[in-house]
Amino acid sequence: MSKHKHVLHTIFQDPISANMHWREVESLLNHLGATVKPTHGARFHVTLNKIEIILHHPHQSSECTRQDIKQIREFLIQAGIQPESD
């Protein structure tokens, strides 16, 4: 399984993973064709398939919280992105 495919599956798994690094998420978003632009402080404006979101880079560590992953999952669903069923 490719790295990006693995990250996408991890975002959609239940229970939500608590050990995903922001750089993996950012790499996946770029791979999917999203525009990821830093805005103010730790915020990033992300656009994918005409859907927009403001994401926050984790402050204390490079790992995303479960809430971050849930927000990213909902954004990807709105943008029409879901993992392929194997």
C-alpha atoms as a PDB file:
ATOM      1  CA  MET A   1       0.000   0.000   0.000  1.00  0.00           C
ATOM      2  CA  SER A   2       1.395   3.396  -0.912  1.00  0.00           C
ATOM      3  CA  LYS A   3       2.198   5.884   1.840  1.00  0.00           C
ATOM      4  CA  HIS A   4      -0.605   8.268   0.812  1.00  0.00           C
ATOM      5  CA  LYS A   5      -3.155   5.471   0.556  1.00  0.00           C
ATOM      6  CA  HIS A   6      -2.156   4.296   4.035  1.00  0.00           C
ATOM      7  CA  VAL A   7      -2.582   7.814   5.481  1.00  0.00           C
ATOM      8  CA  LEU A   8      -6.004   8.140   3.827  1.00  0.00           C
ATOM      9  CA  HIS A   9      -7.119   4.790   5.278  1.00  0.00           C
ATOM     10  CA  THR A  10      -5.812   5.848   8.706  1.00  0.00           C
ATOM     11  CA  ILE A  11      -7.848   9.077   8.587  1.00  0.00           C
ATOM     12  CA  PHE A  12     -11.018   7.069   7.891  1.00  0.00           C
ATOM     13  CA  GLN A  13     -10.447   4.244  10.386  1.00  0.00           C
ATOM     14  CA  ASP A  14     -12.516   3.828  13.542  1.00  0.00           C
ATOM     15  CA  PRO A  15     -11.613   4.407  16.249  1.00  0.00           C
ATOM     16  CA  ILE A  16      -9.867   7.574  15.104  1.00  0.00           C
ATOM     17  CA  SER A  17      -6.083   7.331  15.237  1.00  0.00           C
ATOM     18  CA  ALA A  18      -4.274   9.545  17.726  1.00  0.00           C
ATOM     19  CA  ASN A  19      -0.766   9.271  16.329  1.00  0.00           C
ATOM     20  CA  MET A  20      -0.823  10.863  12.902  1.00  0.00           C
ATOM     21  CA  HIS A  21       1.741  13.524  12.111  1.00  0.00           C
ATOM     22  CA  TRP A  22       0.726  16.837  10.530  1.00  0.00           C
ATOM     23  CA  ARG A  23       3.383  16.447   7.810  1.00  0.00           C
ATOM     24  CA  GLU A  24       1.750  13.162   6.706  1.00  0.00           C
ATOM     25  CA  VAL A  25      -1.630  14.888   6.433  1.00  0.00           C
ATOM     26  CA  GLU A  26      -0.136  17.860   4.594  1.00  0.00           C
ATOM     27  CA  SER A  27       1.684  15.518   2.198  1.00  0.00           C
ATOM     28  CA  LEU A  28      -1.569  13.630   1.509  1.00  0.00           C
ATOM     29  CA  LEU A  29      -3.469  16.873   0.874  1.00  0.00           C
ATOM     30  CA  ASN A  30      -0.793  18.011  -1.589  1.00  0.00           C
ATOM     31  CA  HIS A  31      -0.856  14.571  -3.268  1.00  0.00           C
ATOM     32  CA  LEU A  32      -4.646  14.866  -3.699  1.00  0.00           C
ATOM     33  CA  GLY A  33      -4.167  18.219  -5.440  1.00  0.00           C
ATOM     34  CA  ALA A  34      -5.151  20.500  -2.573  1.00  0.00           C
ATOM     35  CA  THR A  35      -3.801  24.009  -2.216  1.00  0.00           C
ATOM     36  CA  VAL A  36      -2.305  24.363   1.273  1.00  0.00           C
ATOM     37  CA  LYS A  37      -1.360  27.939   2.192  1.00  0.00           C
ATOM     38  CA  PRO A  38      -0.182  29.189   5.580  1.00  0.00           C
ATOM     39  CA  THR A  39      -2.397  32.037   6.783  1.00  0.00           C
ATOM     40  CA  HIS A  40      -2.040  33.415  10.310  1.00  0.00           C
ATOM     41  CA  GLY A  41       0.060  31.733  12.991  1.00  0.00           C
ATOM     42  CA  ALA A  42      -0.489  27.975  12.943  1.00  0.00           C
ATOM     43  CA  ARG A  43      -3.441  28.145  10.535  1.00  0.00           C
ATOM     44  CA  PHE A  44      -3.505  26.772   7.014  1.00  0.00           C
ATOM     45  CA  HIS A  45      -6.098  27.557   4.338  1.00  0.00           C
ATOM     46  CA  VAL A  46      -6.779  24.373   2.374  1.00  0.00           C
ATOM     47  CA  THR A  47      -8.770  24.153  -0.862  1.00  0.00           C
ATOM     48  CA  LEU A  48      -9.625  20.828  -2.498  1.00  0.00           C
ATOM     49  CA  ASN A  49     -12.245  20.318  -5.208  1.00  0.00           C
ATOM     50  CA  LYS A  50     -13.638  23.824  -4.501  1.00  0.00           C
ATOM     51  CA  ILE A  51     -14.152  22.966  -0.810  1.00  0.00           C
ATOM     52  CA  GLU A  52     -12.292  25.179   1.660  1.00  0.00           C
ATOM     53  CA  ILE A  53     -11.248  24.734   5.275  1.00  0.00           C
ATOM     54  CA  ILE A  54      -8.929  26.358   7.779  1.00  0.00           C
ATOM     55  CA  LEU A  55      -6.804  23.763   9.577  1.00  0.00           C
ATOM     56  CA  HIS A  56      -4.605  24.339  12.595  1.00  0.00           C
ATOM     57  CA  HIS A  57      -1.096  22.927  12.774  1.00  0.00           C
ATOM     58  CA  PRO A  58      -0.684  21.103  16.109  1.00  0.00           C
ATOM     59  CA  HIS A  59       0.897  23.465  18.644  1.00  0.00           C
ATOM     60  CA  GLN A  60       2.675  21.345  21.244  1.00  0.00           C
ATOM     61  CA  SER A  61       3.772  18.489  18.993  1.00  0.00           C
ATOM     62  CA  SER A  62       3.688  17.476  15.371  1.00  0.00           C
ATOM     63  CA  GLU A  63       0.888  14.967  16.014  1.00  0.00           C
ATOM     64  CA  CYS A  64      -2.725  15.701  15.157  1.00  0.00           C
ATOM     65  CA  THR A  65      -5.421  15.212  17.789  1.00  0.00           C
ATOM     66  CA  ARG A  66      -8.402  12.935  17.242  1.00  0.00           C
ATOM     67  CA  GLN A  67     -10.502  16.076  16.766  1.00  0.00           C
ATOM     68  CA  ASP A  68      -8.079  17.295  14.054  1.00  0.00           C
ATOM     69  CA  ILE A  69      -8.370  13.958  12.253  1.00  0.00           C
ATOM     70  CA  LYS A  70     -12.175  14.029  12.520  1.00  0.00           C
ATOM     71  CA  GLN A  71     -12.214  17.548  11.008  1.00  0.00           C
ATOM     72  CA  ILE A  72      -9.890  16.442   8.176  1.00  0.00           C
ATOM     73  CA  ARG A  73     -12.056  13.360   7.525  1.00  0.00           C
ATOM     74  CA  GLU A  74     -15.210  15.507   7.251  1.00  0.00           C
ATOM     75  CA  PHE A  75     -13.408  17.926   4.916  1.00  0.00           C
ATOM     76  CA  LEU A  76     -12.246  15.074   2.663  1.00  0.00           C
ATOM     77  CA  ILE A  77     -15.783  13.630   2.508  1.00  0.00           C
ATOM     78  CA  GLN A  78     -17.162  17.049   1.480  1.00  0.00           C
ATOM     79  CA  ALA A  79     -14.432  17.254  -1.181  1.00  0.00           C
ATOM     80  CA  GLY A  80     -15.460  13.840  -2.528  1.00  0.00           C
ATOM     81  CA  ILE A  81     -12.413  11.945  -1.233  1.00  0.00           C
ATOM     82  CA  GLN A  82     -12.770   8.576   0.488  1.00  0.00           C
ATOM     83  CA  PRO A  83     -10.516   5.532   0.581  1.00  0.00           C
ATOM     84  CA  GLU A  84     -11.103   2.848  -2.006  1.00  0.00           C
ATOM     85  CA  SER A  85     -12.566  -0.329  -0.597  1.00  0.00           C
ATOM     86  CA  ASP A  86     -10.092  -3.156  -0.931  1.00  0.00           C
END
